[in-house]
N, C-alpha and C. Protein backbone atom coordinates (compact mmCIF):
# COMPACT_ATOMS: atom_id res chain seq x y z
N UNK A 1 0.80 -0.76 -0.35
CA UNK A 1 -0.15 0.28 0.01
C UNK A 1 0.97 1.03 0.00
N UNK A 2 0.63 2.31 -0.71
CA UNK A 2 1.76 3.55 -0.92
C UNK A 2 0.61 4.82 -0.76
N UNK A 3 0.14 4.27 0.37
CA UNK A 3 -1.07 5.45 1.21
C UNK A 3 -0.11 6.52 1.58
N UNK A 4 0.03 7.68 1.92
CA UNK A 4 0.66 9.08 2.33
C UNK A 4 -0.65 9.63 3.16
N UNK A 5 -0.68 9.47 4.22
CA UNK A 5 -1.24 10.42 5.66
C UNK A 5 -0.69 12.02 5.57
N UNK A 6 -2.41 12.77 5.84
CA UNK A 6 -2.68 14.01 5.92
C UNK A 6 -1.20 14.97 6.20
N UNK A 7 -0.81 14.28 7.43
CA UNK A 7 -0.07 15.02 8.08
C UNK A 7 0.66 14.58 8.64
N UNK A 8 2.39 14.59 9.60
CA UNK A 8 2.95 14.54 9.96
C UNK A 8 2.28 13.96 11.76
N UNK A 9 0.97 14.85 11.67
CA UNK A 9 0.52 14.82 13.49
C UNK A 9 -0.49 14.00 13.23
N UNK A 10 -1.17 13.70 12.12
CA UNK A 10 -2.03 12.29 11.99
C UNK A 10 -1.12 11.04 12.03
N UNK A 11 0.12 11.35 11.85
CA UNK A 11 0.70 10.13 11.96
C UNK A 11 1.10 9.36 13.35
N UNK A 12 1.49 10.52 13.92
CA UNK A 12 1.53 9.96 15.60
C UNK A 12 0.71 9.79 16.25
N UNK A 13 -0.79 10.00 15.75
CA UNK A 13 -1.88 9.89 16.15
C UNK A 13 -2.12 8.16 15.91
N UNK A 14 -2.13 7.69 14.75
CA UNK A 14 -2.05 6.52 14.94
C UNK A 14 -1.52 5.49 14.89
N UNK A 15 0.14 6.60 15.75
CA UNK A 15 1.14 5.88 16.26
C UNK A 15 0.03 4.91 17.63
N UNK A 16 -0.32 5.94 18.27
CA UNK A 16 -0.13 5.90 20.27
C UNK A 16 -1.84 4.87 19.89
N UNK A 17 -2.41 4.97 18.94
CA UNK A 17 -3.43 4.35 18.77
C UNK A 17 -3.45 3.17 18.23
N UNK A 18 -2.62 2.55 18.19
CA UNK A 18 -2.16 1.58 17.62
C UNK A 18 -1.52 0.59 19.02
N UNK A 19 -1.40 1.00 19.76
CA UNK A 19 -1.17 0.23 20.32
C UNK A 19 -1.93 -0.23 21.71
N UNK A 20 -3.07 0.55 21.69
CA UNK A 20 -4.36 0.37 22.61
C UNK A 20 -5.61 1.22 22.35
N UNK A 21 -6.58 0.56 22.48
CA UNK A 21 -7.75 0.79 22.05
C UNK A 21 -8.65 2.16 22.56
N UNK A 22 -8.23 2.52 24.76
CA UNK A 22 -8.70 3.17 24.72
C UNK A 22 -8.39 4.87 23.96
N UNK A 23 -9.40 5.59 23.78
CA UNK A 23 -9.50 6.52 22.99
C UNK A 23 -9.80 8.39 23.67
N UNK A 24 -8.87 9.15 23.42
CA UNK A 24 -9.48 10.39 24.47
C UNK A 24 -10.57 11.18 22.96
N UNK A 25 -11.45 11.77 23.55
CA UNK A 25 -11.94 12.95 23.05
C UNK A 25 -11.45 13.32 21.62
N UNK A 26 -10.66 13.50 21.17
CA UNK A 26 -9.75 14.33 20.50
C UNK A 26 -9.09 13.35 19.86
N UNK A 27 -8.68 12.24 19.96
CA UNK A 27 -9.02 11.74 18.67
C UNK A 27 -9.19 11.00 18.25
N UNK A 28 -10.83 10.36 19.02
CA UNK A 28 -12.27 9.84 18.51
C UNK A 28 -12.15 11.52 17.09
N UNK A 29 -12.34 12.09 17.40
CA UNK A 29 -12.69 13.19 16.58
C UNK A 29 -11.99 13.40 15.07
N UNK A 30 -10.80 13.15 15.82
CA UNK A 30 -9.90 13.60 14.63
C UNK A 30 -8.74 12.41 13.80
N UNK A 31 -9.55 11.12 14.48
CA UNK A 31 -8.84 10.13 13.71
C UNK A 31 -9.32 9.81 12.10
N UNK A 32 -8.07 9.32 11.65
CA UNK A 32 -8.49 8.77 9.73
C UNK A 32 -8.75 7.52 10.28
N UNK A 33 -9.91 7.26 10.05
CA UNK A 33 -10.62 5.83 10.26
C UNK A 33 -10.00 4.92 9.43
N UNK A 34 -9.32 5.12 8.29
CA UNK A 34 -9.00 4.19 7.20
C UNK A 34 -7.57 4.27 7.74
N UNK A 35 -6.98 5.10 8.37
CA UNK A 35 -5.36 4.87 8.81
C UNK A 35 -5.43 4.03 10.10
N UNK A 36 -6.64 4.12 11.17
CA UNK A 36 -6.68 3.16 12.39
C UNK A 36 -6.66 1.94 12.00
N UNK A 37 -7.80 1.50 11.03
CA UNK A 37 -8.04 0.20 10.28
C UNK A 37 -6.72 -0.30 9.89
N UNK A 38 -6.12 0.20 9.31
CA UNK A 38 -5.17 -0.43 8.74
C UNK A 38 -4.26 -0.70 9.33
N UNK A 39 -3.31 0.17 10.36
CA UNK A 39 -2.10 0.02 11.50
C UNK A 39 -2.72 -1.37 11.82
N UNK A 40 -4.60 -1.26 12.32
CA UNK A 40 -4.82 -2.38 13.41
C UNK A 40 -4.61 -4.04 11.91
N UNK A 41 -5.26 -3.90 10.99
CA UNK A 41 -5.12 -4.97 10.20
C UNK A 41 -3.41 -5.20 9.86
N UNK A 42 -2.45 -4.36 9.80
CA UNK A 42 -0.91 -4.70 9.76
C UNK A 42 -0.65 -5.77 11.13
N UNK A 43 -1.85 -5.46 11.93
CA UNK A 43 -0.75 -6.04 13.41
C UNK A 43 -1.42 -7.40 14.03
N UNK A 44 -2.35 -7.77 12.61
CA UNK A 44 -3.59 -8.82 12.79
C UNK A 44 -4.24 -8.77 14.02
N UNK A 45 -5.20 -7.57 13.54
CA UNK A 45 -5.69 -7.53 14.99
C UNK A 45 -7.05 -8.07 14.11
N UNK A 46 -8.16 -8.50 15.30
CA UNK A 46 -9.47 -9.20 15.09
C UNK A 46 -10.53 -8.07 14.44
N UNK A 47 -11.51 -8.33 14.46
CA UNK A 47 -12.89 -7.55 13.92
C UNK A 47 -13.13 -6.95 15.67
N UNK A 48 -13.23 -7.40 16.76
CA UNK A 48 -13.31 -7.08 17.73
C UNK A 48 -12.76 -5.85 18.36
N UNK A 49 -11.73 -5.55 17.80
CA UNK A 49 -10.57 -4.54 18.01
C UNK A 49 -11.67 -2.86 17.91
N UNK A 50 -12.49 -2.83 16.42
CA UNK A 50 -13.21 -1.72 16.60
C UNK A 50 -14.26 -1.17 17.18
N UNK A 51 -14.80 -3.01 17.67
CA UNK A 51 -15.61 -2.50 18.78
C UNK A 51 -15.16 -1.60 19.45
N UNK A 52 -14.19 -2.72 20.39
CA UNK A 52 -13.79 -1.57 21.68
C UNK A 52 -13.37 0.18 21.13
N UNK A 53 -12.78 0.07 19.46
CA UNK A 53 -12.34 1.78 19.41
C UNK A 53 -13.94 1.97 19.99
N UNK A 54 -15.04 1.48 19.13
CA UNK A 54 -16.52 2.04 18.99
C UNK A 54 -16.74 2.70 20.28
N UNK A 55 -16.68 1.54 20.86
CA UNK A 55 -17.58 2.25 22.45
C UNK A 55 -16.64 3.14 23.01
N UNK A 56 -15.59 3.27 23.17
CA UNK A 56 -14.77 4.54 24.00
C UNK A 56 -14.91 5.80 23.56
N UNK A 57 -15.37 5.69 21.89
CA UNK A 57 -15.51 7.50 21.55
C UNK A 57 -16.68 7.40 21.42
N UNK A 58 -17.66 6.57 21.35
CA UNK A 58 -18.95 6.00 21.22
C UNK A 58 -19.31 7.25 23.14
N UNK A 59 -18.15 7.00 24.37
CA UNK A 59 -18.67 7.57 25.74
C UNK A 59 -18.22 9.24 25.66
N UNK A 60 -17.34 9.62 24.20
CA UNK A 60 -17.26 10.81 24.04
C UNK A 60 -18.55 11.46 22.99
N UNK A 61 -18.98 10.80 22.57
CA UNK A 61 -20.28 10.89 22.09
C UNK A 61 -20.24 10.93 20.14
N UNK A 62 -19.42 10.23 19.94
CA UNK A 62 -18.54 10.45 18.78
C UNK A 62 -18.72 8.88 18.38
N UNK A 63 -19.08 9.35 17.17
CA UNK A 63 -19.43 7.53 16.22
C UNK A 63 -18.26 7.63 15.21
N UNK A 64 -17.48 6.24 15.83
CA UNK A 64 -16.73 5.30 14.89
C UNK A 64 -16.88 5.09 13.65
N UNK A 65 -15.61 5.44 11.99
CA UNK A 65 -17.07 5.45 11.29
C UNK A 65 -16.33 4.25 10.70
N UNK A 66 -17.42 2.87 10.46
CA UNK A 66 -16.95 1.40 10.47
C UNK A 66 -16.53 1.24 9.15
N UNK A 67 -16.83 1.60 8.41
CA UNK A 67 -16.71 1.68 6.93
C UNK A 67 -15.27 1.43 6.72
N UNK A 68 -15.05 3.14 6.59
CA UNK A 68 -13.74 3.47 6.60
C UNK A 68 -12.88 2.60 7.74
N UNK A 69 -13.16 1.87 8.71
CA UNK A 69 -12.25 1.08 9.61
C UNK A 69 -11.49 0.23 8.92
N UNK A 70 -13.08 -0.45 8.08
CA UNK A 70 -12.93 -1.44 7.53
C UNK A 70 -12.06 -2.11 6.53
N UNK A 71 -12.19 -0.73 5.71
CA UNK A 71 -11.27 -1.08 4.63
C UNK A 71 -9.69 -0.68 4.77
N UNK A 72 -9.26 0.08 6.00
CA UNK A 72 -8.20 0.30 6.03
C UNK A 72 -7.91 -0.92 6.55
N UNK A 73 -8.40 -1.81 7.53
CA UNK A 73 -8.33 -3.15 8.48
C UNK A 73 -8.03 -4.20 7.21
N UNK A 74 -9.10 -4.25 5.82
CA UNK A 74 -8.75 -4.91 4.87
C UNK A 74 -7.62 -4.81 4.65
N UNK A 75 -7.73 -3.44 3.92
CA UNK A 75 -5.61 -3.41 3.16
C UNK A 75 -4.35 -3.51 4.34
N UNK A 76 -4.69 -3.11 5.54
CA UNK A 76 -3.71 -3.93 6.41
C UNK A 76 -3.38 -5.46 6.99
N UNK A 77 -4.42 -5.51 6.57
CA UNK A 77 -4.33 -7.49 6.49
C UNK A 77 -4.10 -8.22 5.38
N UNK A 78 -3.74 -7.71 4.46
CA UNK A 78 -3.25 -7.89 2.81
C UNK A 78 -1.61 -7.94 3.41
N UNK A 79 -1.01 -6.45 4.44
CA UNK A 79 0.65 -6.39 4.55
C UNK A 79 0.79 -7.49 5.29
N UNK A 80 -0.66 -7.79 6.80
CA UNK A 80 -0.21 -8.72 7.71
C UNK A 80 0.10 -10.28 7.06
N UNK A 81 -0.59 -10.65 6.33
CA UNK A 81 -1.10 -12.30 5.92
C UNK A 81 0.20 -12.62 4.90
N UNK A 82 1.37 -11.64 4.72
CA UNK A 82 2.48 -12.50 3.68
C UNK A 82 2.99 -13.60 5.39
N UNK A 83 3.67 -14.19 3.70
CA UNK A 83 4.31 -15.52 4.71
C UNK A 83 5.15 -15.05 5.89
N UNK A 84 6.12 -13.88 5.94
CA UNK A 84 7.11 -13.60 6.27
C UNK A 84 6.96 -12.60 7.42
N UNK A 85 5.22 -12.17 7.53
CA UNK A 85 4.78 -11.66 8.39
C UNK A 85 4.49 -13.25 9.63
N UNK A 86 3.93 -14.09 9.14
CA UNK A 86 3.47 -15.60 9.50
C UNK A 86 4.70 -15.87 10.34
N UNK A 87 5.67 -15.81 9.62
CA UNK A 87 6.91 -16.44 10.20
C UNK A 87 7.68 -15.70 11.44
N UNK A 88 7.67 -14.69 11.29
CA UNK A 88 7.79 -13.76 12.31
C UNK A 88 6.89 -13.83 13.27
N UNK A 89 5.55 -13.77 13.24
CA UNK A 89 4.88 -13.83 14.25
C UNK A 89 5.29 -15.47 15.01
N UNK A 90 5.26 -16.79 14.69
CA UNK A 90 5.56 -17.60 14.84
C UNK A 90 7.00 -17.80 16.06
N UNK A 91 7.81 -17.03 15.23
CA UNK A 91 9.17 -17.81 15.84
C UNK A 91 9.43 -16.25 17.66
N UNK A 92 8.31 -15.17 17.04
CA UNK A 92 7.98 -14.40 18.23
C UNK A 92 7.40 -15.84 19.16
N UNK A 93 6.52 -16.49 19.22
CA UNK A 93 5.96 -16.77 20.59
C UNK A 93 4.08 -15.91 19.84
N UNK A 94 4.38 -15.14 19.21
CA UNK A 94 2.61 -15.38 18.70
C UNK A 94 1.49 -15.66 18.50
N UNK A 95 0.00 -15.61 18.84
CA UNK A 95 -0.73 -16.21 18.50
C UNK A 95 -1.40 -15.55 17.02
N UNK A 96 -2.12 -16.54 16.50
CA UNK A 96 -2.64 -16.21 15.05
C UNK A 96 -4.14 -16.28 15.26
N UNK A 97 -4.71 -15.04 15.13
CA UNK A 97 -6.21 -15.10 15.53
C UNK A 97 -7.36 -15.47 14.22
N UNK A 98 -6.48 -16.22 13.11
CA UNK A 98 -7.46 -16.57 12.26
C UNK A 98 -7.72 -15.38 11.22
N UNK A 99 -6.89 -14.01 11.37
CA UNK A 99 -7.73 -13.11 10.79
C UNK A 99 -7.67 -13.10 9.35
N UNK A 100 -6.48 -14.44 8.40
CA UNK A 100 -6.59 -14.35 6.94
C UNK A 100 -7.32 -14.49 6.27
N UNK A 101 -7.39 -14.25 4.55
CA UNK A 101 -8.63 -13.99 4.17
C UNK A 101 -8.02 -15.66 3.78
N UNK A 102 -9.03 -16.92 3.23
CA UNK A 102 -8.63 -18.17 2.63
C UNK A 102 -7.16 -18.27 1.67
N UNK A 103 -7.60 -17.28 0.65
CA UNK A 103 -6.76 -17.16 -0.64
C UNK A 103 -5.07 -16.82 -0.24
N UNK A 104 -5.17 -16.18 1.07
CA UNK A 104 -3.73 -15.59 1.68
C UNK A 104 -3.22 -17.28 3.14
N UNK A 105 -4.11 -17.91 3.63
CA UNK A 105 -3.76 -18.07 5.05
C UNK A 105 -3.25 -19.30 5.12
N UNK A 106 -2.73 -20.22 3.71
CA UNK A 106 -2.46 -21.73 4.11
C UNK A 106 -0.59 -21.37 3.92
N UNK A 107 -0.30 -19.94 2.63
CA UNK A 107 0.99 -19.85 3.06
C UNK A 107 1.43 -18.87 4.28
N UNK A 108 0.50 -18.12 5.13
CA UNK A 108 0.73 -17.83 6.17
C UNK A 108 0.92 -18.92 7.42
N UNK A 109 0.16 -19.42 7.33
CA UNK A 109 -0.23 -20.32 8.41
C UNK A 109 1.26 -21.56 7.99
N UNK A 110 1.41 -22.14 6.72
CA UNK A 110 2.97 -22.63 6.78
C UNK A 110 4.46 -22.36 7.59
N UNK A 111 4.41 -20.51 6.88
CA UNK A 111 5.23 -20.49 7.83
C UNK A 111 5.65 -19.92 8.92
N UNK A 112 3.84 -19.46 9.53
CA UNK A 112 3.70 -19.57 11.00
C UNK A 112 4.04 -20.20 11.89
N UNK A 113 3.76 -22.26 11.09
CA UNK A 113 4.38 -23.29 12.19
C UNK A 113 5.87 -23.38 11.74
N UNK A 114 6.13 -22.82 11.12
CA UNK A 114 8.03 -23.33 11.14
C UNK A 114 8.25 -21.82 12.40
N UNK A 115 7.88 -21.07 12.31
CA UNK A 115 8.26 -19.94 13.02
C UNK A 115 8.22 -20.07 14.25
N UNK A 116 6.91 -20.94 14.15
CA UNK A 116 6.71 -21.62 16.01
C UNK A 116 7.52 -22.76 16.53
N UNK A 117 7.75 -23.91 15.67
CA UNK A 117 8.20 -24.74 16.08
C UNK A 117 9.52 -24.32 16.53
N UNK A 118 10.33 -23.10 15.59
CA UNK A 118 12.08 -22.99 16.25
C UNK A 118 11.79 -22.00 17.65
N UNK A 119 10.85 -20.96 18.06
CA UNK A 119 10.36 -20.71 18.94
C UNK A 119 10.14 -21.73 19.89
N UNK A 120 9.65 -22.90 20.13
CA UNK A 120 9.24 -24.16 20.34
C UNK A 120 10.60 -24.07 21.19
N UNK A 121 11.57 -24.95 20.27
CA UNK A 121 12.85 -25.43 20.16
C UNK A 121 13.79 -24.62 20.95
N UNK A 122 13.63 -23.30 20.28
CA UNK A 122 14.48 -22.51 21.61
C UNK A 122 14.51 -22.04 23.13
N UNK A 123 12.33 -22.52 23.30
CA UNK A 123 12.50 -22.07 24.26
C UNK A 123 12.73 -23.43 25.31
N UNK A 124 12.79 -24.46 24.44
CA UNK A 124 13.17 -25.45 25.43
C UNK A 124 14.64 -25.55 26.26
N UNK A 125 15.36 -24.98 25.13
CA UNK A 125 16.59 -25.03 25.61
C UNK A 125 16.79 -23.40 26.48
N UNK A 126 16.40 -22.42 26.46
CA UNK A 126 16.33 -21.73 27.54
C UNK A 126 15.49 -22.39 28.97
N UNK A 127 14.60 -22.74 28.55
CA UNK A 127 14.14 -23.23 29.62
C UNK A 127 15.01 -24.45 30.91
N UNK A 128 15.99 -25.49 30.02
CA UNK A 128 17.24 -26.20 30.51
C UNK A 128 17.71 -25.69 31.40
N UNK A 129 18.37 -24.31 30.87
CA UNK A 129 19.32 -23.44 31.52
C UNK A 129 18.98 -22.68 32.73
N UNK A 130 17.73 -22.39 32.67
CA UNK A 130 16.99 -21.67 33.89
C UNK A 130 16.81 -23.04 34.73
N UNK A 131 16.41 -24.49 34.36
CA UNK A 131 15.91 -25.06 35.28
C UNK A 131 17.68 -25.60 35.78
N UNK A 132 18.72 -25.49 35.08
CA UNK A 132 19.87 -25.75 35.36
C UNK A 132 20.61 -24.74 36.42
N UNK A 133 20.25 -23.80 36.58
CA UNK A 133 21.09 -22.24 36.82
C UNK A 133 20.00 -22.87 38.36
N UNK A 134 19.29 -22.32 38.42
CA UNK A 134 18.27 -22.76 39.42
C UNK A 134 18.36 -23.76 40.47
N UNK A 135 18.65 -25.01 40.01
CA UNK A 135 19.17 -26.59 40.33
C UNK A 135 20.67 -26.02 41.34
N UNK A 136 21.59 -25.41 40.14
CA UNK A 136 22.91 -25.48 40.72
C UNK A 136 23.14 -24.61 41.64
N UNK A 137 21.95 -23.64 41.62
CA UNK A 137 22.05 -22.29 42.88
C UNK A 137 21.90 -22.59 44.01
N UNK A 138 20.79 -23.84 43.87
CA UNK A 138 20.20 -24.56 45.52
C UNK A 138 21.19 -25.40 45.49
N UNK A 139 21.96 -26.01 44.80
CA UNK A 139 22.94 -26.82 45.42
C UNK A 139 23.86 -26.27 46.03
N UNK A 140 24.52 -24.87 45.85
CA UNK A 140 25.65 -24.03 46.42
C UNK A 140 24.92 -23.91 47.28
N UNK A 141 23.48 -23.48 48.08
CA UNK A 141 23.35 -23.27 49.31
C UNK A 141 23.38 -24.46 49.98
N UNK A 142 22.92 -25.11 49.60
CA UNK A 142 22.73 -26.66 50.46
C UNK A 142 24.40 -26.75 50.49
N UNK A 143 25.67 -26.75 49.99
CA UNK A 143 27.07 -26.77 50.48
C UNK A 143 27.20 -25.88 50.71
N UNK A 144 26.77 -25.50 51.44
CA UNK A 144 27.30 -23.94 52.42
C UNK A 144 26.31 -24.35 53.61
N UNK A 145 25.44 -25.21 53.63
CA UNK A 145 24.50 -25.91 54.81
C UNK A 145 25.31 -26.60 55.11
N UNK A 146 25.94 -27.83 54.74
CA UNK A 146 26.36 -28.30 55.11
C UNK A 146 28.10 -28.38 55.90
N UNK A 147 28.52 -27.60 54.77
CA UNK A 147 29.73 -26.80 55.54
C UNK A 147 29.45 -26.33 56.89
N UNK A 148 28.37 -25.18 57.26
CA UNK A 148 28.27 -24.57 58.35
C UNK A 148 28.08 -25.62 59.31
N UNK A 149 27.25 -26.87 58.37
CA UNK A 149 26.51 -27.99 60.25
C UNK A 149 28.33 -28.65 59.93
N UNK A 150 29.10 -28.83 59.09
CA UNK A 150 30.19 -29.65 60.29
C UNK A 150 31.00 -28.62 60.84
N UNK A 151 30.78 -27.75 61.05
CA UNK A 151 31.50 -26.80 61.26
C UNK A 151 30.96 -26.46 62.95
N UNK A 152 29.64 -26.15 63.11
CA UNK A 152 28.78 -26.36 64.23
C UNK A 152 29.47 -27.77 65.08
N UNK A 153 29.31 -28.98 64.68
CA UNK A 153 29.60 -30.29 64.76
C UNK A 153 30.82 -30.54 65.60
N UNK A 154 31.77 -29.64 65.11
CA UNK A 154 32.81 -29.66 65.77
C UNK A 154 33.25 -28.73 67.08
N UNK A 155 32.25 -27.80 66.96
CA UNK A 155 32.16 -27.02 68.28
C UNK A 155 32.37 -27.76 69.36
N UNK A 156 33.01 -26.80 70.36
CA UNK A 156 33.34 -27.27 71.91
C UNK A 156 32.00 -27.33 72.70
N UNK A 157 31.09 -26.28 71.56
CA UNK A 157 29.69 -25.32 72.93
C UNK A 157 28.56 -26.82 72.55
N UNK A 158 28.54 -27.11 70.92
CA UNK A 158 27.21 -28.55 71.46
C UNK A 158 27.42 -29.25 72.31
N UNK A 159 26.05 -29.15 72.10
CA UNK A 159 25.30 -29.90 72.98
C UNK A 159 25.00 -31.39 72.70
N UNK A 160 25.19 -32.93 72.90
CA UNK A 160 24.89 -34.17 72.90
C UNK A 160 23.27 -33.76 71.90
N UNK A 161 22.43 -33.27 72.66
CA UNK A 161 21.03 -33.11 71.95
C UNK A 161 21.27 -32.31 70.52
N UNK A 162 22.23 -31.34 71.06
CA UNK A 162 22.18 -30.16 69.47
C UNK A 162 22.64 -30.99 68.09
N UNK A 163 23.79 -32.24 68.73
CA UNK A 163 24.95 -33.27 67.70
C UNK A 163 24.00 -33.68 67.22
N UNK A 164 22.66 -34.12 67.89
CA UNK A 164 22.02 -35.68 67.10
C UNK A 164 20.97 -34.74 66.01
N UNK A 165 20.76 -33.46 66.37
CA UNK A 165 19.98 -32.92 66.07
C UNK A 165 20.68 -31.92 64.40
N UNK A 166 21.91 -31.82 64.59
CA UNK A 166 22.89 -31.81 63.54
C UNK A 166 23.17 -32.68 62.32
N UNK A 167 23.12 -34.06 63.38
CA UNK A 167 23.71 -35.47 62.26
C UNK A 167 22.19 -35.45 61.08
N UNK A 168 21.06 -34.86 62.28
CA UNK A 168 20.40 -35.09 61.28
C UNK A 168 19.86 -34.50 59.74
N UNK A 169 20.58 -33.00 60.42
CA UNK A 169 20.01 -32.28 59.37
C UNK A 169 21.01 -32.47 58.20
N UNK A 170 22.03 -32.74 58.84
CA UNK A 170 22.95 -33.39 57.65
C UNK A 170 23.17 -34.68 56.62
N UNK A 171 22.33 -35.65 57.47
CA UNK A 171 21.88 -36.38 56.99
C UNK A 171 20.62 -35.64 55.01
N UNK A 172 20.18 -35.23 55.97
CA UNK A 172 18.72 -34.53 54.91
C UNK A 172 19.36 -34.17 53.97
N UNK A 173 20.84 -32.46 54.46
CA UNK A 173 21.38 -32.28 53.23
C UNK A 173 21.80 -33.35 51.83
N UNK A 174 22.70 -34.09 52.40
CA UNK A 174 23.61 -34.87 51.48
C UNK A 174 23.18 -35.70 51.06
N UNK A 175 21.40 -36.17 51.15
CA UNK A 175 20.91 -36.85 50.36
C UNK A 175 19.95 -35.59 49.30
N UNK A 176 19.73 -34.84 50.05
CA UNK A 176 18.91 -33.14 48.80
C UNK A 176 20.69 -33.20 47.45
N UNK A 177 21.58 -33.56 48.20
CA UNK A 177 22.53 -32.88 47.81
C UNK A 177 22.81 -34.23 45.95
N UNK A 178 22.60 -35.32 46.57
CA UNK A 178 22.12 -36.34 45.45
C UNK A 178 21.49 -36.18 44.79
N UNK A 179 20.05 -35.97 45.34
CA UNK A 179 19.01 -36.14 44.56
C UNK A 179 19.23 -34.59 43.59
N UNK A 180 19.85 -33.31 43.70
CA UNK A 180 20.08 -32.16 43.15
C UNK A 180 20.88 -32.61 42.03
N UNK A 181 22.10 -33.10 42.36
CA UNK A 181 23.18 -33.42 41.20
C UNK A 181 22.48 -34.77 40.13
N UNK A 182 21.81 -35.96 40.73
CA UNK A 182 21.10 -36.31 39.53
C UNK A 182 20.11 -35.56 38.36
N UNK A 183 19.52 -34.43 39.42
CA UNK A 183 18.45 -34.04 38.61
C UNK A 183 19.39 -32.82 37.70
N UNK A 184 20.37 -32.14 38.49
CA UNK A 184 21.03 -31.43 37.02
C UNK A 184 21.79 -32.07 36.09
N UNK A 185 22.19 -33.56 35.69
CA UNK A 185 22.67 -34.49 35.41
C UNK A 185 21.80 -34.24 34.61
N UNK A 186 20.11 -34.83 34.44
CA UNK A 186 19.61 -34.85 33.88
C UNK A 186 19.07 -33.81 32.86
N UNK A 187 18.89 -32.46 33.78
CA UNK A 187 18.78 -32.04 32.55
C UNK A 187 19.93 -31.34 32.10
N UNK A 188 20.89 -31.44 32.00
CA UNK A 188 21.90 -31.36 31.23
C UNK A 188 22.06 -32.09 30.25
N UNK A 189 21.44 -33.22 29.97
CA UNK A 189 21.64 -33.95 29.08
C UNK A 189 20.32 -33.93 28.31
N UNK A 190 19.16 -33.16 28.77
CA UNK A 190 18.05 -32.51 28.18
C UNK A 190 18.79 -31.26 27.32
N UNK A 191 19.28 -30.49 27.99
CA UNK A 191 19.89 -29.85 27.11
C UNK A 191 20.36 -30.03 25.96
N UNK A 192 21.51 -30.78 26.23
CA UNK A 192 21.78 -31.18 25.05
C UNK A 192 21.37 -31.80 23.66
N UNK A 193 20.24 -32.06 23.99
CA UNK A 193 18.67 -32.75 23.12
C UNK A 193 18.55 -31.84 22.63
N UNK A 194 18.50 -30.92 23.45
CA UNK A 194 17.02 -30.00 22.78
C UNK A 194 17.94 -29.42 21.76
N UNK A 195 19.45 -28.56 22.31
CA UNK A 195 20.60 -27.52 21.55
C UNK A 195 20.52 -28.67 20.10
N UNK A 196 20.62 -30.11 20.01
CA UNK A 196 20.85 -30.54 18.80
C UNK A 196 19.43 -30.73 17.93
N UNK A 197 18.30 -31.17 18.36
CA UNK A 197 17.15 -30.70 17.86
C UNK A 197 16.98 -28.95 17.32
N UNK A 198 16.96 -27.96 17.92
CA UNK A 198 17.26 -27.11 17.70
C UNK A 198 18.73 -26.71 16.56
N UNK A 199 19.43 -26.71 16.12
CA UNK A 199 20.46 -27.13 15.47
C UNK A 199 19.93 -27.49 14.31
N UNK A 200 18.99 -28.50 14.32
CA UNK A 200 18.82 -29.82 13.05
C UNK A 200 17.98 -28.48 12.71
N UNK A 201 16.99 -27.92 12.96
CA UNK A 201 15.72 -27.92 12.78
C UNK A 201 16.40 -26.40 11.99
N UNK A 202 17.54 -25.43 13.12
CA UNK A 202 17.64 -24.58 12.49
C UNK A 202 17.94 -24.18 10.77
N UNK A 203 19.34 -25.59 10.74
CA UNK A 203 19.29 -26.08 9.55
C UNK A 203 18.25 -26.07 8.42
N UNK A 204 17.62 -26.98 8.68
CA UNK A 204 16.46 -26.95 7.76
C UNK A 204 15.70 -25.88 7.77
N UNK A 205 15.39 -24.83 8.52
CA UNK A 205 14.75 -23.46 8.60
C UNK A 205 15.53 -22.49 7.01
N UNK A 206 17.03 -22.30 7.40
CA UNK A 206 17.73 -21.87 6.30
C UNK A 206 17.59 -22.72 5.23
N UNK A 207 17.73 -23.78 4.71
CA UNK A 207 17.54 -24.34 3.41
C UNK A 207 15.87 -24.17 3.33
N UNK A 208 15.35 -23.30 3.80
CA UNK A 208 13.72 -22.96 3.15
C UNK A 208 13.47 -21.61 2.99
N UNK A 209 15.69 -21.02 3.49
CA UNK A 209 15.02 -19.95 2.99
C UNK A 209 14.81 -18.39 3.86
N UNK A 210 13.88 -18.90 4.92
CA UNK A 210 13.98 -18.09 6.07
C UNK A 210 15.16 -17.69 7.22
């Protein structure tokens, strides 16, 4: 679309409206509804977005121009429903709301699925890294407790009763240490598998030209 908006001020209004459906009286009165519809459509907004805008303007006694909005939104959807946009939406973990025309949807969805699968594989690696980090941090805390408990055990001031309790704590800490080490080992193996799957899929995606 090669449309030029009336002036720079209107561009600023459109930019402000694109991210938020709540509209002031001035925005409702001065809006280019074709432009607003185009911006919503180019972002893959559903038709419900107009309803929200209409209600916001109705509170100010201003009627939103549905025909102009729909014209702009239809033009914006043509931009949104390109395969490249579908891929970008998927790879960023976005949700597709079924807004594309049947004639364009197949190519859009094919690219979206490729992107979303890449997003999922990257998420697997990221989640595994996060879990490893938290498990290693917990293991470090437990090891600190073990050292502190061992120091208390050899203190001249510790009573027999306290020593029994400290030994019980030490047993619990040791058991948890073993559990954490096993969990970390499993997570590292999982991460290696996820990284392999990601590299393999990235090669496939690159071969398709994404």
